Amino acid sequence: MLEACRTASRWDGIGVSVNVSPAQFRTGEFLPLVRRALQTSGLPARLLELELTEGVLLEDTDRARETMRGLKALGVRLSIDDFGTGYSSLGYLRTFPFDTIKIDRQFIADLHPAGDARAIVQAILGLGHALGMSVTAEGVETDEQLLLLQSDQCEEVQGYLMSRPLSTQDADLIVSTQKTRQAELAPAVGRAGQGG
């Protein structure tokens, strides 16, 4: 947790998502661990998103809700990962304070213009948006999948089409390169806006 927060703190406004295991979440020390990681790294809490699966929520619902409220009070964003694969996912949207729904990759793998998977994805997108949540599609690997998701108003995607998983060093290099390009373009954009 601390390493992820330290890394993201170097990225100047770019957030990080961290998968949380059920064992990690259920320790009584999880909330203090996150608090310490944010304080030590200096990362603004709004730039940390914790991805929770149904397994995190199954055992002790009251304790999970209490921990999640504490995380939200810090300003951390929470997402329900692998949405649509569990037994009680819909109920979780009312019970727990999630910011983001992450559509499981199995629905994206089967995504076709007129298929059942697309109808399910569209329903999840509509539900998430109606509840004021952002929705992320996981496992996007083809241009066709991306185009269908864009046409269905999916605002965030993850998958090999965008990038393979990166080491910390490779991610730092990409962020640094983007910052350099933006800095180089800024004066030209300013001059163009001034008519010259």
N, C-alpha and C. Protein backbone atom coordinates (compact mmCIF):
# COMPACT_ATOMS: atom_id res chain seq x y z
N MET A 1 0.83 -1.19 0.00
CA MET A 1 0.00 0.00 0.00
C MET A 1 0.88 1.25 0.00
N LEU A 2 1.86 1.25 0.88
CA LEU A 2 2.74 2.41 0.97
C LEU A 2 3.49 2.63 -0.34
N GLU A 3 3.99 1.56 -0.94
CA GLU A 3 4.74 1.69 -2.19
C GLU A 3 3.85 2.24 -3.31
N ALA A 4 2.62 1.77 -3.40
CA ALA A 4 1.69 2.28 -4.42
C ALA A 4 1.42 3.76 -4.21
N CYS A 5 1.22 4.17 -2.97
CA CYS A 5 0.95 5.58 -2.67
C CYS A 5 2.18 6.44 -2.95
N ARG A 6 3.35 5.95 -2.60
CA ARG A 6 4.58 6.71 -2.88
C ARG A 6 4.77 6.90 -4.39
N THR A 7 4.54 5.83 -5.13
CA THR A 7 4.69 5.91 -6.58
C THR A 7 3.72 6.93 -7.17
N ALA A 8 2.45 6.84 -6.81
CA ALA A 8 1.45 7.76 -7.35
C ALA A 8 1.70 9.20 -6.93
N SER A 9 2.31 9.39 -5.77
CA SER A 9 2.58 10.76 -5.31
C SER A 9 3.59 11.47 -6.22
N ARG A 10 4.39 10.71 -6.97
CA ARG A 10 5.35 11.29 -7.92
C ARG A 10 4.67 11.68 -9.23
N TRP A 11 3.42 11.25 -9.43
CA TRP A 11 2.78 11.40 -10.74
C TRP A 11 1.95 12.66 -10.89
N ASP A 12 1.98 13.56 -9.93
CA ASP A 12 1.37 14.87 -10.07
C ASP A 12 -0.09 14.83 -10.55
N GLY A 13 -0.95 14.28 -9.69
CA GLY A 13 -2.38 14.31 -9.99
C GLY A 13 -2.94 13.07 -10.63
N ILE A 14 -2.11 12.09 -10.92
CA ILE A 14 -2.59 10.83 -11.49
C ILE A 14 -2.78 9.84 -10.35
N GLY A 15 -3.93 9.21 -10.30
CA GLY A 15 -4.24 8.31 -9.21
C GLY A 15 -3.73 6.90 -9.42
N VAL A 16 -3.99 6.07 -8.42
CA VAL A 16 -3.59 4.68 -8.47
C VAL A 16 -4.71 3.83 -7.88
N SER A 17 -4.91 2.65 -8.46
CA SER A 17 -5.88 1.68 -7.93
C SER A 17 -5.11 0.51 -7.33
N VAL A 18 -5.56 0.06 -6.18
CA VAL A 18 -4.90 -1.04 -5.48
C VAL A 18 -5.93 -2.12 -5.19
N ASN A 19 -5.63 -3.35 -5.61
CA ASN A 19 -6.49 -4.48 -5.28
C ASN A 19 -6.28 -4.84 -3.81
N VAL A 20 -7.38 -5.07 -3.11
CA VAL A 20 -7.32 -5.40 -1.69
C VAL A 20 -7.82 -6.82 -1.50
N SER A 21 -7.01 -7.65 -0.86
CA SER A 21 -7.42 -9.03 -0.61
C SER A 21 -8.35 -9.09 0.59
N PRO A 22 -9.21 -10.12 0.65
CA PRO A 22 -10.08 -10.26 1.82
C PRO A 22 -9.29 -10.33 3.12
N ALA A 23 -8.18 -11.06 3.14
CA ALA A 23 -7.38 -11.18 4.37
C ALA A 23 -6.83 -9.83 4.79
N GLN A 24 -6.37 -9.05 3.84
CA GLN A 24 -5.83 -7.71 4.13
C GLN A 24 -6.92 -6.81 4.70
N PHE A 25 -8.09 -6.84 4.08
CA PHE A 25 -9.18 -5.95 4.47
C PHE A 25 -9.72 -6.28 5.85
N ARG A 26 -9.74 -7.57 6.19
CA ARG A 26 -10.38 -8.00 7.44
C ARG A 26 -9.53 -7.79 8.68
N THR A 27 -8.27 -7.47 8.50
CA THR A 27 -7.47 -7.19 9.69
C THR A 27 -7.98 -5.90 10.31
N GLY A 28 -7.93 -5.80 11.58
CA GLY A 28 -8.36 -4.58 12.24
C GLY A 28 -7.43 -3.40 11.97
N GLU A 29 -6.35 -3.67 11.27
CA GLU A 29 -5.33 -2.65 11.02
C GLU A 29 -5.40 -2.05 9.62
N PHE A 30 -6.41 -2.43 8.82
CA PHE A 30 -6.42 -1.96 7.43
C PHE A 30 -6.62 -0.45 7.33
N LEU A 31 -7.59 0.08 8.03
CA LEU A 31 -7.83 1.53 7.97
C LEU A 31 -6.61 2.32 8.45
N PRO A 32 -6.01 1.97 9.60
CA PRO A 32 -4.79 2.68 10.01
C PRO A 32 -3.64 2.52 9.00
N LEU A 33 -3.56 1.35 8.35
CA LEU A 33 -2.52 1.12 7.34
C LEU A 33 -2.69 2.10 6.18
N VAL A 34 -3.91 2.26 5.70
CA VAL A 34 -4.18 3.19 4.59
C VAL A 34 -3.90 4.63 5.03
N ARG A 35 -4.33 4.98 6.22
CA ARG A 35 -4.10 6.33 6.74
C ARG A 35 -2.60 6.64 6.79
N ARG A 36 -1.82 5.69 7.33
CA ARG A 36 -0.36 5.88 7.41
C ARG A 36 0.27 6.00 6.03
N ALA A 37 -0.19 5.16 5.10
CA ALA A 37 0.37 5.19 3.74
C ALA A 37 0.12 6.54 3.08
N LEU A 38 -1.07 7.08 3.26
CA LEU A 38 -1.39 8.40 2.69
C LEU A 38 -0.56 9.50 3.35
N GLN A 39 -0.46 9.45 4.68
CA GLN A 39 0.31 10.48 5.40
C GLN A 39 1.79 10.43 5.05
N THR A 40 2.34 9.22 5.02
CA THR A 40 3.76 9.06 4.76
C THR A 40 4.12 9.46 3.33
N SER A 41 3.27 9.09 2.38
CA SER A 41 3.57 9.35 0.96
C SER A 41 3.20 10.77 0.53
N GLY A 42 2.26 11.39 1.25
CA GLY A 42 1.77 12.70 0.83
C GLY A 42 0.77 12.65 -0.30
N LEU A 43 0.32 11.45 -0.68
CA LEU A 43 -0.66 11.31 -1.76
C LEU A 43 -2.02 11.80 -1.28
N PRO A 44 -2.66 12.70 -2.03
CA PRO A 44 -4.03 13.08 -1.66
C PRO A 44 -4.95 11.86 -1.71
N ALA A 45 -5.77 11.69 -0.71
CA ALA A 45 -6.62 10.50 -0.60
C ALA A 45 -7.51 10.30 -1.82
N ARG A 46 -7.94 11.38 -2.46
CA ARG A 46 -8.83 11.27 -3.62
C ARG A 46 -8.16 10.58 -4.81
N LEU A 47 -6.82 10.46 -4.76
CA LEU A 47 -6.09 9.80 -5.84
C LEU A 47 -5.84 8.32 -5.57
N LEU A 48 -6.34 7.82 -4.46
CA LEU A 48 -6.22 6.39 -4.13
C LEU A 48 -7.57 5.73 -4.29
N GLU A 49 -7.62 4.70 -5.12
CA GLU A 49 -8.84 3.90 -5.27
C GLU A 49 -8.53 2.48 -4.82
N LEU A 50 -9.37 1.96 -3.94
CA LEU A 50 -9.21 0.59 -3.45
C LEU A 50 -10.24 -0.29 -4.13
N GLU A 51 -9.78 -1.37 -4.75
CA GLU A 51 -10.65 -2.30 -5.46
C GLU A 51 -10.98 -3.47 -4.54
N LEU A 52 -12.27 -3.63 -4.27
CA LEU A 52 -12.74 -4.67 -3.36
C LEU A 52 -13.59 -5.67 -4.13
N THR A 53 -13.39 -6.95 -3.87
CA THR A 53 -14.23 -7.98 -4.48
C THR A 53 -15.30 -8.42 -3.48
N GLU A 54 -16.22 -9.20 -3.98
CA GLU A 54 -17.30 -9.69 -3.12
C GLU A 54 -16.75 -10.46 -1.91
N GLY A 55 -15.64 -11.15 -2.10
CA GLY A 55 -15.04 -11.91 -1.01
C GLY A 55 -14.70 -11.05 0.20
N VAL A 56 -14.37 -9.79 -0.04
CA VAL A 56 -14.06 -8.86 1.05
C VAL A 56 -15.30 -8.59 1.88
N LEU A 57 -16.46 -8.59 1.24
CA LEU A 57 -17.69 -8.14 1.88
C LEU A 57 -18.51 -9.26 2.50
N LEU A 58 -18.20 -10.51 2.18
CA LEU A 58 -19.06 -11.63 2.57
C LEU A 58 -19.12 -11.92 4.06
N GLU A 59 -17.99 -11.90 4.73
CA GLU A 59 -17.93 -12.45 6.08
C GLU A 59 -18.63 -11.61 7.14
N ASP A 60 -18.17 -10.41 7.35
CA ASP A 60 -18.71 -9.56 8.41
C ASP A 60 -19.16 -8.24 7.79
N THR A 61 -20.40 -8.19 7.36
CA THR A 61 -20.93 -7.04 6.63
C THR A 61 -20.84 -5.76 7.44
N ASP A 62 -21.18 -5.82 8.72
CA ASP A 62 -21.15 -4.61 9.55
C ASP A 62 -19.74 -4.05 9.68
N ARG A 63 -18.79 -4.93 9.91
CA ARG A 63 -17.40 -4.49 10.05
C ARG A 63 -16.87 -3.95 8.72
N ALA A 64 -17.24 -4.61 7.61
CA ALA A 64 -16.82 -4.13 6.29
C ALA A 64 -17.37 -2.74 6.03
N ARG A 65 -18.64 -2.54 6.34
CA ARG A 65 -19.28 -1.24 6.13
C ARG A 65 -18.59 -0.16 6.97
N GLU A 66 -18.27 -0.50 8.22
CA GLU A 66 -17.60 0.45 9.11
C GLU A 66 -16.21 0.83 8.57
N THR A 67 -15.46 -0.16 8.12
CA THR A 67 -14.14 0.11 7.55
C THR A 67 -14.26 0.97 6.30
N MET A 68 -15.24 0.65 5.46
CA MET A 68 -15.43 1.42 4.23
C MET A 68 -15.83 2.86 4.53
N ARG A 69 -16.64 3.06 5.53
CA ARG A 69 -17.01 4.43 5.92
C ARG A 69 -15.78 5.21 6.38
N GLY A 70 -14.91 4.53 7.12
CA GLY A 70 -13.67 5.18 7.55
C GLY A 70 -12.78 5.55 6.37
N LEU A 71 -12.71 4.67 5.38
CA LEU A 71 -11.92 4.97 4.18
C LEU A 71 -12.52 6.14 3.41
N LYS A 72 -13.85 6.16 3.30
CA LYS A 72 -14.53 7.26 2.61
C LYS A 72 -14.31 8.57 3.37
N ALA A 73 -14.29 8.51 4.70
CA ALA A 73 -14.06 9.72 5.50
C ALA A 73 -12.66 10.29 5.23
N LEU A 74 -11.71 9.41 4.90
CA LEU A 74 -10.37 9.87 4.54
C LEU A 74 -10.36 10.52 3.16
N GLY A 75 -11.35 10.17 2.33
CA GLY A 75 -11.41 10.68 0.96
C GLY A 75 -11.00 9.67 -0.08
N VAL A 76 -10.76 8.42 0.34
CA VAL A 76 -10.37 7.35 -0.57
C VAL A 76 -11.57 6.93 -1.42
N ARG A 77 -11.30 6.59 -2.68
CA ARG A 77 -12.36 6.10 -3.58
C ARG A 77 -12.42 4.57 -3.46
N LEU A 78 -13.63 4.02 -3.57
CA LEU A 78 -13.83 2.57 -3.45
C LEU A 78 -14.51 2.04 -4.70
N SER A 79 -14.02 0.91 -5.19
CA SER A 79 -14.66 0.29 -6.34
C SER A 79 -14.98 -1.16 -6.02
N ILE A 80 -16.09 -1.63 -6.61
CA ILE A 80 -16.44 -3.04 -6.51
C ILE A 80 -15.90 -3.71 -7.77
N ASP A 81 -14.96 -4.63 -7.56
CA ASP A 81 -14.25 -5.28 -8.65
C ASP A 81 -14.99 -6.55 -9.08
N ASP A 82 -14.79 -6.94 -10.33
CA ASP A 82 -15.39 -8.17 -10.89
C ASP A 82 -16.91 -8.15 -10.79
N PHE A 83 -17.51 -6.98 -10.98
CA PHE A 83 -18.96 -6.85 -10.82
C PHE A 83 -19.70 -7.74 -11.81
N GLY A 84 -20.74 -8.38 -11.31
CA GLY A 84 -21.58 -9.23 -12.14
C GLY A 84 -21.28 -10.70 -12.00
N THR A 85 -20.20 -11.05 -11.29
CA THR A 85 -19.85 -12.46 -11.16
C THR A 85 -20.30 -13.06 -9.84
N GLY A 86 -20.66 -12.24 -8.87
CA GLY A 86 -21.05 -12.73 -7.55
C GLY A 86 -22.55 -12.93 -7.43
N TYR A 87 -22.96 -13.39 -6.28
CA TYR A 87 -24.37 -13.68 -6.04
C TYR A 87 -25.16 -12.47 -5.57
N SER A 88 -24.50 -11.54 -4.92
CA SER A 88 -25.23 -10.45 -4.27
C SER A 88 -24.80 -9.07 -4.73
N SER A 89 -24.18 -8.96 -5.89
CA SER A 89 -23.59 -7.70 -6.32
C SER A 89 -24.57 -6.53 -6.30
N LEU A 90 -25.81 -6.73 -6.75
CA LEU A 90 -26.77 -5.63 -6.78
C LEU A 90 -27.04 -5.08 -5.39
N GLY A 91 -27.20 -5.96 -4.42
CA GLY A 91 -27.44 -5.52 -3.05
C GLY A 91 -26.27 -4.73 -2.49
N TYR A 92 -25.06 -5.07 -2.92
CA TYR A 92 -23.88 -4.36 -2.43
C TYR A 92 -23.89 -2.89 -2.83
N LEU A 93 -24.49 -2.59 -3.97
CA LEU A 93 -24.52 -1.20 -4.44
C LEU A 93 -25.34 -0.31 -3.51
N ARG A 94 -26.30 -0.90 -2.83
CA ARG A 94 -27.11 -0.14 -1.87
C ARG A 94 -26.50 -0.16 -0.47
N THR A 95 -25.80 -1.23 -0.15
CA THR A 95 -25.30 -1.44 1.21
C THR A 95 -23.97 -0.75 1.48
N PHE A 96 -23.13 -0.67 0.46
CA PHE A 96 -21.77 -0.17 0.65
C PHE A 96 -21.52 1.08 -0.19
N PRO A 97 -20.64 1.97 0.30
CA PRO A 97 -20.43 3.27 -0.36
C PRO A 97 -19.41 3.24 -1.51
N PHE A 98 -19.75 2.55 -2.58
CA PHE A 98 -18.84 2.46 -3.72
C PHE A 98 -18.92 3.71 -4.60
N ASP A 99 -17.79 4.04 -5.22
CA ASP A 99 -17.70 5.13 -6.19
C ASP A 99 -17.71 4.60 -7.62
N THR A 100 -17.19 3.39 -7.78
CA THR A 100 -16.97 2.84 -9.12
C THR A 100 -17.40 1.38 -9.18
N ILE A 101 -17.99 1.01 -10.30
CA ILE A 101 -18.29 -0.39 -10.62
C ILE A 101 -17.29 -0.82 -11.68
N LYS A 102 -16.62 -1.94 -11.46
CA LYS A 102 -15.70 -2.48 -12.46
C LYS A 102 -16.33 -3.73 -13.06
N ILE A 103 -16.72 -3.64 -14.33
CA ILE A 103 -17.39 -4.75 -15.01
C ILE A 103 -16.37 -5.85 -15.26
N ASP A 104 -16.71 -7.06 -14.84
CA ASP A 104 -15.80 -8.19 -14.97
C ASP A 104 -15.45 -8.47 -16.43
N ARG A 105 -14.22 -8.88 -16.63
CA ARG A 105 -13.68 -9.14 -17.97
C ARG A 105 -14.43 -10.21 -18.74
N GLN A 106 -15.12 -11.13 -18.06
CA GLN A 106 -15.83 -12.18 -18.79
C GLN A 106 -16.94 -11.60 -19.67
N PHE A 107 -17.55 -10.51 -19.22
CA PHE A 107 -18.59 -9.87 -20.04
C PHE A 107 -17.97 -9.13 -21.22
N ILE A 108 -16.78 -8.58 -21.02
CA ILE A 108 -16.10 -7.84 -22.09
C ILE A 108 -15.56 -8.82 -23.13
N ALA A 109 -15.07 -9.97 -22.71
CA ALA A 109 -14.54 -10.96 -23.65
C ALA A 109 -15.61 -11.43 -24.62
N ASP A 110 -16.85 -11.50 -24.18
CA ASP A 110 -17.96 -11.97 -25.01
C ASP A 110 -18.73 -10.83 -25.68
N LEU A 111 -18.19 -9.61 -25.64
CA LEU A 111 -18.90 -8.43 -26.13
C LEU A 111 -18.97 -8.42 -27.66
N HIS A 112 -20.20 -8.41 -28.19
CA HIS A 112 -20.48 -8.32 -29.62
C HIS A 112 -21.67 -7.40 -29.81
N PRO A 113 -21.82 -6.80 -31.00
CA PRO A 113 -22.89 -5.81 -31.19
C PRO A 113 -24.29 -6.26 -30.78
N ALA A 114 -24.63 -7.50 -31.02
CA ALA A 114 -26.01 -7.92 -30.73
C ALA A 114 -26.08 -9.06 -29.71
N GLY A 115 -25.05 -9.23 -28.90
CA GLY A 115 -25.02 -10.36 -27.98
C GLY A 115 -25.58 -10.08 -26.61
N ASP A 116 -25.79 -11.16 -25.84
CA ASP A 116 -26.28 -11.04 -24.47
C ASP A 116 -25.31 -10.27 -23.58
N ALA A 117 -24.01 -10.49 -23.80
CA ALA A 117 -23.01 -9.80 -22.97
C ALA A 117 -23.15 -8.29 -23.12
N ARG A 118 -23.44 -7.83 -24.33
CA ARG A 118 -23.59 -6.38 -24.52
C ARG A 118 -24.81 -5.86 -23.76
N ALA A 119 -25.89 -6.62 -23.78
CA ALA A 119 -27.09 -6.20 -23.04
C ALA A 119 -26.78 -6.10 -21.54
N ILE A 120 -26.00 -7.04 -21.03
CA ILE A 120 -25.63 -7.02 -19.61
C ILE A 120 -24.73 -5.81 -19.33
N VAL A 121 -23.75 -5.59 -20.19
CA VAL A 121 -22.85 -4.44 -20.02
C VAL A 121 -23.64 -3.14 -20.05
N GLN A 122 -24.56 -3.01 -21.00
CA GLN A 122 -25.38 -1.80 -21.09
C GLN A 122 -26.22 -1.61 -19.82
N ALA A 123 -26.73 -2.71 -19.28
CA ALA A 123 -27.53 -2.61 -18.05
C ALA A 123 -26.67 -2.17 -16.87
N ILE A 124 -25.46 -2.71 -16.77
CA ILE A 124 -24.55 -2.32 -15.68
C ILE A 124 -24.16 -0.85 -15.83
N LEU A 125 -23.87 -0.43 -17.05
CA LEU A 125 -23.54 0.98 -17.29
C LEU A 125 -24.70 1.88 -16.88
N GLY A 126 -25.91 1.53 -17.29
CA GLY A 126 -27.08 2.33 -16.93
C GLY A 126 -27.30 2.38 -15.43
N LEU A 127 -27.15 1.25 -14.78
CA LEU A 127 -27.32 1.18 -13.33
C LEU A 127 -26.28 2.04 -12.62
N GLY A 128 -25.03 1.88 -13.00
CA GLY A 128 -23.96 2.66 -12.38
C GLY A 128 -24.17 4.15 -12.55
N HIS A 129 -24.50 4.56 -13.75
CA HIS A 129 -24.70 5.99 -14.01
C HIS A 129 -25.92 6.51 -13.26
N ALA A 130 -26.99 5.72 -13.19
CA ALA A 130 -28.19 6.15 -12.45
C ALA A 130 -27.89 6.33 -10.97
N LEU A 131 -26.94 5.56 -10.45
CA LEU A 131 -26.56 5.65 -9.04
C LEU A 131 -25.43 6.67 -8.80
N GLY A 132 -25.02 7.37 -9.85
CA GLY A 132 -23.98 8.38 -9.71
C GLY A 132 -22.57 7.82 -9.59
N MET A 133 -22.38 6.60 -10.08
CA MET A 133 -21.07 5.95 -10.01
C MET A 133 -20.39 5.99 -11.36
N SER A 134 -19.07 5.95 -11.35
CA SER A 134 -18.36 5.74 -12.60
C SER A 134 -18.31 4.23 -12.85
N VAL A 135 -18.12 3.86 -14.11
CA VAL A 135 -18.09 2.45 -14.48
C VAL A 135 -16.84 2.21 -15.32
N THR A 136 -16.09 1.17 -14.97
CA THR A 136 -14.88 0.79 -15.69
C THR A 136 -15.08 -0.61 -16.26
N ALA A 137 -14.73 -0.77 -17.54
CA ALA A 137 -14.76 -2.09 -18.18
C ALA A 137 -13.35 -2.68 -18.10
N GLU A 138 -13.26 -3.88 -17.55
CA GLU A 138 -11.96 -4.56 -17.41
C GLU A 138 -11.76 -5.55 -18.56
N GLY A 139 -10.51 -5.76 -18.94
CA GLY A 139 -10.19 -6.79 -19.91
C GLY A 139 -10.45 -6.39 -21.36
N VAL A 140 -10.36 -5.12 -21.68
CA VAL A 140 -10.57 -4.66 -23.06
C VAL A 140 -9.32 -5.01 -23.87
N GLU A 141 -9.52 -5.82 -24.92
CA GLU A 141 -8.39 -6.31 -25.71
C GLU A 141 -8.49 -6.00 -27.19
N THR A 142 -9.66 -5.58 -27.67
CA THR A 142 -9.81 -5.33 -29.11
C THR A 142 -10.40 -3.95 -29.37
N ASP A 143 -10.14 -3.45 -30.58
CA ASP A 143 -10.72 -2.17 -30.98
C ASP A 143 -12.25 -2.26 -31.01
N GLU A 144 -12.79 -3.41 -31.43
CA GLU A 144 -14.25 -3.57 -31.48
C GLU A 144 -14.86 -3.42 -30.08
N GLN A 145 -14.25 -4.05 -29.09
CA GLN A 145 -14.74 -3.91 -27.72
C GLN A 145 -14.71 -2.45 -27.28
N LEU A 146 -13.62 -1.77 -27.55
CA LEU A 146 -13.48 -0.37 -27.15
C LEU A 146 -14.54 0.49 -27.83
N LEU A 147 -14.76 0.30 -29.12
CA LEU A 147 -15.76 1.10 -29.84
C LEU A 147 -17.17 0.85 -29.30
N LEU A 148 -17.50 -0.41 -29.01
CA LEU A 148 -18.82 -0.71 -28.44
C LEU A 148 -18.98 -0.05 -27.08
N LEU A 149 -17.96 -0.14 -26.25
CA LEU A 149 -18.02 0.47 -24.91
C LEU A 149 -18.14 1.99 -25.00
N GLN A 150 -17.40 2.60 -25.90
CA GLN A 150 -17.51 4.05 -26.08
C GLN A 150 -18.90 4.44 -26.55
N SER A 151 -19.47 3.67 -27.47
CA SER A 151 -20.81 4.00 -27.96
C SER A 151 -21.87 3.79 -26.88
N ASP A 152 -21.57 2.96 -25.89
CA ASP A 152 -22.49 2.73 -24.78
C ASP A 152 -22.20 3.63 -23.58
N GLN A 153 -21.35 4.63 -23.75
CA GLN A 153 -21.05 5.64 -22.71
C GLN A 153 -20.23 5.10 -21.55
N CYS A 154 -19.36 4.14 -21.80
CA CYS A 154 -18.44 3.66 -20.76
C CYS A 154 -17.26 4.62 -20.71
N GLU A 155 -17.05 5.25 -19.55
CA GLU A 155 -16.05 6.32 -19.47
C GLU A 155 -14.64 5.85 -19.14
N GLU A 156 -14.48 4.64 -18.65
CA GLU A 156 -13.14 4.16 -18.29
C GLU A 156 -12.98 2.71 -18.73
N VAL A 157 -11.79 2.39 -19.26
CA VAL A 157 -11.51 1.02 -19.67
C VAL A 157 -10.12 0.63 -19.18
N GLN A 158 -9.95 -0.67 -19.00
CA GLN A 158 -8.65 -1.24 -18.66
C GLN A 158 -8.46 -2.47 -19.53
N GLY A 159 -7.22 -2.77 -19.86
CA GLY A 159 -6.96 -4.00 -20.59
C GLY A 159 -5.73 -3.88 -21.47
N TYR A 160 -5.37 -5.01 -22.09
CA TYR A 160 -4.17 -5.08 -22.89
C TYR A 160 -4.21 -4.17 -24.11
N LEU A 161 -5.40 -3.79 -24.58
CA LEU A 161 -5.47 -2.87 -25.71
C LEU A 161 -4.80 -1.54 -25.35
N MET A 162 -4.95 -1.10 -24.11
CA MET A 162 -4.34 0.15 -23.67
C MET A 162 -2.88 -0.06 -23.24
N SER A 163 -2.63 -1.12 -22.47
CA SER A 163 -1.28 -1.39 -22.00
C SER A 163 -1.24 -2.72 -21.26
N ARG A 164 -0.13 -3.39 -21.40
CA ARG A 164 0.14 -4.55 -20.55
C ARG A 164 0.47 -4.00 -19.16
N PRO A 165 0.40 -4.85 -18.13
CA PRO A 165 0.82 -4.37 -16.80
C PRO A 165 2.25 -3.84 -16.86
N LEU A 166 2.49 -2.76 -16.14
CA LEU A 166 3.79 -2.10 -16.17
C LEU A 166 4.49 -2.19 -14.82
N SER A 167 5.81 -2.24 -14.87
CA SER A 167 6.59 -2.11 -13.64
C SER A 167 6.49 -0.66 -13.18
N THR A 168 6.86 -0.42 -11.94
CA THR A 168 6.87 0.94 -11.41
C THR A 168 7.78 1.83 -12.25
N GLN A 169 8.94 1.31 -12.63
CA GLN A 169 9.89 2.09 -13.42
C GLN A 169 9.31 2.46 -14.78
N ASP A 170 8.64 1.51 -15.44
CA ASP A 170 8.05 1.80 -16.75
C ASP A 170 6.91 2.81 -16.63
N ALA A 171 6.09 2.68 -15.60
CA ALA A 171 5.00 3.64 -15.39
C ALA A 171 5.56 5.03 -15.12
N ASP A 172 6.61 5.12 -14.30
CA ASP A 172 7.26 6.41 -14.04
C ASP A 172 7.77 7.03 -15.34
N LEU A 173 8.36 6.22 -16.21
CA LEU A 173 8.89 6.71 -17.48
C LEU A 173 7.78 7.26 -18.37
N ILE A 174 6.66 6.55 -18.45
CA ILE A 174 5.54 7.01 -19.27
C ILE A 174 4.99 8.33 -18.74
N VAL A 175 4.80 8.42 -17.43
CA VAL A 175 4.28 9.65 -16.84
C VAL A 175 5.25 10.80 -17.08
N SER A 176 6.54 10.56 -16.90
CA SER A 176 7.55 11.60 -17.12
C SER A 176 7.56 12.05 -18.58
N THR A 177 7.45 11.12 -19.51
CA THR A 177 7.43 11.46 -20.93
C THR A 177 6.21 12.30 -21.27
N GLN A 178 5.06 11.94 -20.72
CA GLN A 178 3.84 12.71 -20.97
C GLN A 178 3.95 14.13 -20.42
N LYS A 179 4.52 14.26 -19.23
CA LYS A 179 4.70 15.60 -18.63
C LYS A 179 5.62 16.45 -19.50
N THR A 180 6.70 15.84 -20.01
CA THR A 180 7.63 16.57 -20.87
C THR A 180 6.93 17.03 -22.14
N ARG A 181 6.16 16.15 -22.76
CA ARG A 181 5.43 16.52 -23.98
C ARG A 181 4.44 17.64 -23.72
N GLN A 182 3.73 17.56 -22.61
CA GLN A 182 2.76 18.62 -22.28
C GLN A 182 3.47 19.95 -22.07
N ALA A 183 4.61 19.91 -21.40
CA ALA A 183 5.36 21.15 -21.15
C ALA A 183 5.87 21.74 -22.46
N GLU A 184 6.28 20.88 -23.39
CA GLU A 184 6.77 21.36 -24.69
C GLU A 184 5.64 21.95 -25.52
N LEU A 185 4.43 21.38 -25.42
CA LEU A 185 3.29 21.84 -26.21
C LEU A 185 2.64 23.09 -25.63
N ALA A 186 2.74 23.30 -24.34
CA ALA A 186 2.04 24.40 -23.68
C ALA A 186 2.37 25.77 -24.28
N PRO A 187 3.64 26.12 -24.51
CA PRO A 187 3.91 27.44 -25.11
C PRO A 187 3.32 27.58 -26.51
N ALA A 188 3.37 26.51 -27.32
CA ALA A 188 2.82 26.57 -28.67
C ALA A 188 1.31 26.73 -28.64
N VAL A 189 0.66 26.06 -27.73
CA VAL A 189 -0.79 26.18 -27.60
C VAL A 189 -1.15 27.60 -27.15
N GLY A 190 -0.38 28.15 -26.23
CA GLY A 190 -0.61 29.52 -25.76
C GLY A 190 -0.46 30.53 -26.88
N ARG A 191 0.59 30.36 -27.70
CA ARG A 191 0.81 31.27 -28.83
C ARG A 191 -0.31 31.14 -29.85
N ALA A 192 -0.76 29.91 -30.11
CA ALA A 192 -1.84 29.70 -31.08
C ALA A 192 -3.12 30.37 -30.60
N GLY A 193 -3.35 30.33 -29.29
CA GLY A 193 -4.55 30.95 -28.73
C GLY A 193 -4.49 32.47 -28.76
N GLN A 194 -3.26 33.01 -28.91
CA GLN A 194 -3.09 34.47 -28.95
C GLN A 194 -3.03 34.99 -30.39
N GLY A 195 -3.24 34.06 -31.32
CA GLY A 195 -3.26 34.47 -32.72
C GLY A 195 -1.89 34.51 -33.36
N GLY A 196 -0.92 33.85 -32.77
CA GLY A 196 0.37 33.92 -33.43
C GLY A 196 1.27 32.93 -32.90
